[in-house]
Amino acid sequence: MNRAFGKKRFTYRIGCGMVNRIEQEKGMDEIRKAFYMDADEFVERYDRLLDVYR
């Protein structure tokens, strides 16, 4: 997340929002998988979740 959004509190808030959305849509198993993903794969796969906040 730092790589995509910087190292400010905003990064933390975006990360929390993304984790919440992943859990809502895919469940806890998907969150476990997400924590082990490469940063590029994570952003590519889950960037669309931020569309809710735009």
C-alpha atoms as a PDB file:
ATOM      1  CA  MET A   1       0.000   0.000   0.000  1.00  0.00           C
ATOM      2  CA  ASN A   2       2.857   2.403   0.724  1.00  0.00           C
ATOM      3  CA  ARG A   3       4.095   1.864  -2.793  1.00  0.00           C
ATOM      4  CA  ALA A   4       0.731   2.761  -4.268  1.00  0.00           C
ATOM      5  CA  PHE A   5      -0.412   5.546  -1.948  1.00  0.00           C
ATOM      6  CA  GLY A   6       2.583   6.826   0.054  1.00  0.00           C
ATOM      7  CA  LYS A   7       3.485   6.542   3.724  1.00  0.00           C
ATOM      8  CA  LYS A   8       0.891   8.826   5.290  1.00  0.00           C
ATOM      9  CA  ARG A   9      -2.201   8.015   7.353  1.00  0.00           C
ATOM     10  CA  PHE A  10      -4.155   7.992   4.101  1.00  0.00           C
ATOM     11  CA  THR A  11      -2.381   4.748   3.229  1.00  0.00           C
ATOM     12  CA  TYR A  12      -3.621   3.123   6.425  1.00  0.00           C
ATOM     13  CA  ARG A  13      -7.191   4.253   5.796  1.00  0.00           C
ATOM     14  CA  ILE A  14      -7.166   3.032   2.195  1.00  0.00           C
ATOM     15  CA  GLY A  15      -5.712  -0.298   3.334  1.00  0.00           C
ATOM     16  CA  CYS A  16      -8.416  -0.746   5.974  1.00  0.00           C
ATOM     17  CA  GLY A  17     -11.103   0.082   3.444  1.00  0.00           C
ATOM     18  CA  MET A  18      -9.695  -2.397   0.966  1.00  0.00           C
ATOM     19  CA  VAL A  19      -9.460  -5.162   3.562  1.00  0.00           C
ATOM     20  CA  ASN A  20     -13.074  -4.533   4.571  1.00  0.00           C
ATOM     21  CA  ARG A  21     -14.234  -4.681   0.958  1.00  0.00           C
ATOM     22  CA  ILE A  22     -12.236  -7.844   0.248  1.00  0.00           C
ATOM     23  CA  GLU A  23     -13.829  -9.508   3.265  1.00  0.00           C
ATOM     24  CA  GLN A  24     -17.327  -8.388   2.243  1.00  0.00           C
ATOM     25  CA  GLU A  25     -16.971  -9.602  -1.333  1.00  0.00           C
ATOM     26  CA  LYS A  26     -14.700 -12.632  -1.043  1.00  0.00           C
ATOM     27  CA  GLY A  27     -14.441 -13.646   2.629  1.00  0.00           C
ATOM     28  CA  MET A  28     -11.625 -14.154   5.095  1.00  0.00           C
ATOM     29  CA  ASP A  29      -9.771 -16.733   2.991  1.00  0.00           C
ATOM     30  CA  GLU A  30      -9.242 -14.123   0.282  1.00  0.00           C
ATOM     31  CA  ILE A  31      -7.790 -11.702   2.855  1.00  0.00           C
ATOM     32  CA  ARG A  32      -5.284 -14.350   3.897  1.00  0.00           C
ATOM     33  CA  LYS A  33      -4.259 -14.810   0.258  1.00  0.00           C
ATOM     34  CA  ALA A  34      -4.015 -11.045  -0.272  1.00  0.00           C
ATOM     35  CA  PHE A  35      -1.457 -10.646   2.518  1.00  0.00           C
ATOM     36  CA  TYR A  36       0.936 -12.951   0.699  1.00  0.00           C
ATOM     37  CA  MET A  37       0.532 -11.401  -2.764  1.00  0.00           C
ATOM     38  CA  ASP A  38       3.174  -9.398  -4.521  1.00  0.00           C
ATOM     39  CA  ALA A  39       2.375  -5.661  -4.305  1.00  0.00           C
ATOM     40  CA  ASP A  40       1.789  -5.323  -8.052  1.00  0.00           C
ATOM     41  CA  GLU A  41      -0.595  -8.277  -8.117  1.00  0.00           C
ATOM     42  CA  PHE A  42      -2.462  -6.936  -5.073  1.00  0.00           C
ATOM     43  CA  VAL A  43      -3.010  -3.512  -6.648  1.00  0.00           C
ATOM     44  CA  GLU A  44      -3.970  -5.021  -9.991  1.00  0.00           C
ATOM     45  CA  ARG A  45      -6.468  -7.412  -8.414  1.00  0.00           C
ATOM     46  CA  TYR A  46      -8.053  -5.144  -5.814  1.00  0.00           C
ATOM     47  CA  ASP A  47      -7.769  -1.605  -7.237  1.00  0.00           C
ATOM     48  CA  ARG A  48     -11.342  -1.830  -8.455  1.00  0.00           C
ATOM     49  CA  LEU A  49     -12.519  -1.968  -4.840  1.00  0.00           C
ATOM     50  CA  LEU A  50     -11.535   1.678  -4.507  1.00  0.00           C
ATOM     51  CA  ASP A  51     -14.098   2.624  -7.166  1.00  0.00           C
ATOM     52  CA  VAL A  52     -16.717   2.639  -4.413  1.00  0.00           C
ATOM     53  CA  TYR A  53     -14.959   5.582  -2.800  1.00  0.00           C
ATOM     54  CA  ARG A  54     -14.595   7.700  -5.957  1.00  0.00           C
END
